[in-house]
Amino acid sequence: MSILNFQYKKATVLDIIQPGKRFWINLHGVRWRAECEFLTDITQGTTVEIIGRKYHQSVLLIRP
C-alpha cells in the first residue's frame, strides 16, 4: 500500500506515547509500529493522524 493511502488517515493509539519512542497504533484493524516527532505524551485510545512513513515504509509517523 502506498503512503498516499495512509497519509492523513486517522488511527487509534494502542500504547502510551512518549517522545522519541516507538509504539503501536491501530489503522483499519491492523497494528502498525509508529513514531511521533512532537514532544508530547499521548494516551492510549487517542485518535491521531498519520503524516508519513520511515524506515523502508514499515514505521508510520503520526501527529496528535
C-alpha atoms as a PDB file:
ATOM      1  CA  MET A   1       0.000   0.000   0.000  1.00  0.00           C
ATOM      2  CA  SER A   2       1.376   3.406  -0.970  1.00  0.00           C
ATOM      3  CA  ILE A   3       1.980   6.251   1.503  1.00  0.00           C
ATOM      4  CA  LEU A   4      -0.780   8.118  -0.288  1.00  0.00           C
ATOM      5  CA  ASN A   5      -3.207   5.509   1.027  1.00  0.00           C
ATOM      6  CA  PHE A   6      -2.100   6.147   4.637  1.00  0.00           C
ATOM      7  CA  GLN A   7      -1.314   9.852   4.775  1.00  0.00           C
ATOM      8  CA  TYR A   8      -3.902  11.938   6.651  1.00  0.00           C
ATOM      9  CA  LYS A   9      -5.798   8.811   7.793  1.00  0.00           C
ATOM     10  CA  LYS A  10      -6.867   8.576  11.427  1.00  0.00           C
ATOM     11  CA  ALA A  11      -5.566   5.796  13.686  1.00  0.00           C
ATOM     12  CA  THR A  12      -6.014   4.827  17.340  1.00  0.00           C
ATOM     13  CA  VAL A  13      -3.104   4.669  19.783  1.00  0.00           C
ATOM     14  CA  LEU A  14      -2.714   1.254  21.468  1.00  0.00           C
ATOM     15  CA  ASP A  15       0.089   2.275  23.891  1.00  0.00           C
ATOM     16  CA  ILE A  16       1.062   5.384  25.837  1.00  0.00           C
ATOM     17  CA  ILE A  17       3.186   7.517  23.512  1.00  0.00           C
ATOM     18  CA  GLN A  18       6.377   9.047  24.823  1.00  0.00           C
ATOM     19  CA  PRO A  19       8.509  11.339  22.632  1.00  0.00           C
ATOM     20  CA  GLY A  20      11.272   9.506  20.775  1.00  0.00           C
ATOM     21  CA  LYS A  21       9.884   6.005  21.451  1.00  0.00           C
ATOM     22  CA  ARG A  22       8.077   3.617  19.112  1.00  0.00           C
ATOM     23  CA  PHE A  23       4.603   2.407  19.941  1.00  0.00           C
ATOM     24  CA  TRP A  24       1.639   0.614  18.365  1.00  0.00           C
ATOM     25  CA  ILE A  25      -1.351   2.137  16.588  1.00  0.00           C
ATOM     26  CA  ASN A  26      -4.425   0.552  15.031  1.00  0.00           C
ATOM     27  CA  LEU A  27      -5.303   1.527  11.456  1.00  0.00           C
ATOM     28  CA  HIS A  28      -8.326  -0.212   9.941  1.00  0.00           C
ATOM     29  CA  GLY A  29      -7.943  -3.224  12.261  1.00  0.00           C
ATOM     30  CA  VAL A  30      -4.191  -3.667  11.603  1.00  0.00           C
ATOM     31  CA  ARG A  31      -1.461  -2.949  14.177  1.00  0.00           C
ATOM     32  CA  TRP A  32       1.381  -0.729  12.947  1.00  0.00           C
ATOM     33  CA  ARG A  33       4.571   0.496  14.598  1.00  0.00           C
ATOM     34  CA  ALA A  34       4.604   4.280  14.798  1.00  0.00           C
ATOM     35  CA  GLU A  35       6.628   7.253  15.988  1.00  0.00           C
ATOM     36  CA  CYS A  36       5.683  10.786  16.955  1.00  0.00           C
ATOM     37  CA  GLU A  37       8.204  13.586  16.487  1.00  0.00           C
ATOM     38  CA  PHE A  38       6.180  16.023  18.608  1.00  0.00           C
ATOM     39  CA  LEU A  39       7.403  16.442  22.187  1.00  0.00           C
ATOM     40  CA  THR A  40       4.226  15.378  23.943  1.00  0.00           C
ATOM     41  CA  ASP A  41       2.799  12.358  25.725  1.00  0.00           C
ATOM     42  CA  ILE A  42      -0.333  10.891  24.124  1.00  0.00           C
ATOM     43  CA  THR A  43      -2.549   8.455  25.999  1.00  0.00           C
ATOM     44  CA  GLN A  44      -3.862   5.080  24.904  1.00  0.00           C
ATOM     45  CA  GLY A  45      -7.103   5.325  22.900  1.00  0.00           C
ATOM     46  CA  THR A  46      -6.320   8.759  21.444  1.00  0.00           C
ATOM     47  CA  THR A  47      -7.055   9.304  17.747  1.00  0.00           C
ATOM     48  CA  VAL A  48      -4.010  10.526  15.807  1.00  0.00           C
ATOM     49  CA  GLU A  49      -3.282  11.453  12.199  1.00  0.00           C
ATOM     50  CA  ILE A  50      -0.703   9.697  10.023  1.00  0.00           C
ATOM     51  CA  ILE A  51       1.665  12.170   8.361  1.00  0.00           C
ATOM     52  CA  GLY A  52       4.244   9.881   6.741  1.00  0.00           C
ATOM     53  CA  ARG A  53       6.382   6.746   6.881  1.00  0.00           C
ATOM     54  CA  LYS A  54      10.036   5.944   7.527  1.00  0.00           C
ATOM     55  CA  TYR A  55      12.470   3.043   7.817  1.00  0.00           C
ATOM     56  CA  HIS A  56      11.640   1.481   4.470  1.00  0.00           C
ATOM     57  CA  GLN A  57       7.948   2.275   4.965  1.00  0.00           C
ATOM     58  CA  SER A  58       7.474  -0.023   7.982  1.00  0.00           C
ATOM     59  CA  VAL A  59       7.053   2.698  10.662  1.00  0.00           C
ATOM     60  CA  LEU A  60       4.268   5.272  10.429  1.00  0.00           C
ATOM     61  CA  LEU A  61       4.810   8.856  11.564  1.00  0.00           C
ATOM     62  CA  ILE A  62       1.883  10.416  13.410  1.00  0.00           C
ATOM     63  CA  ARG A  63       0.813  13.704  14.936  1.00  0.00           C
ATOM     64  CA  PRO A  64      -1.675  14.346  17.719  1.00  0.00           C
END
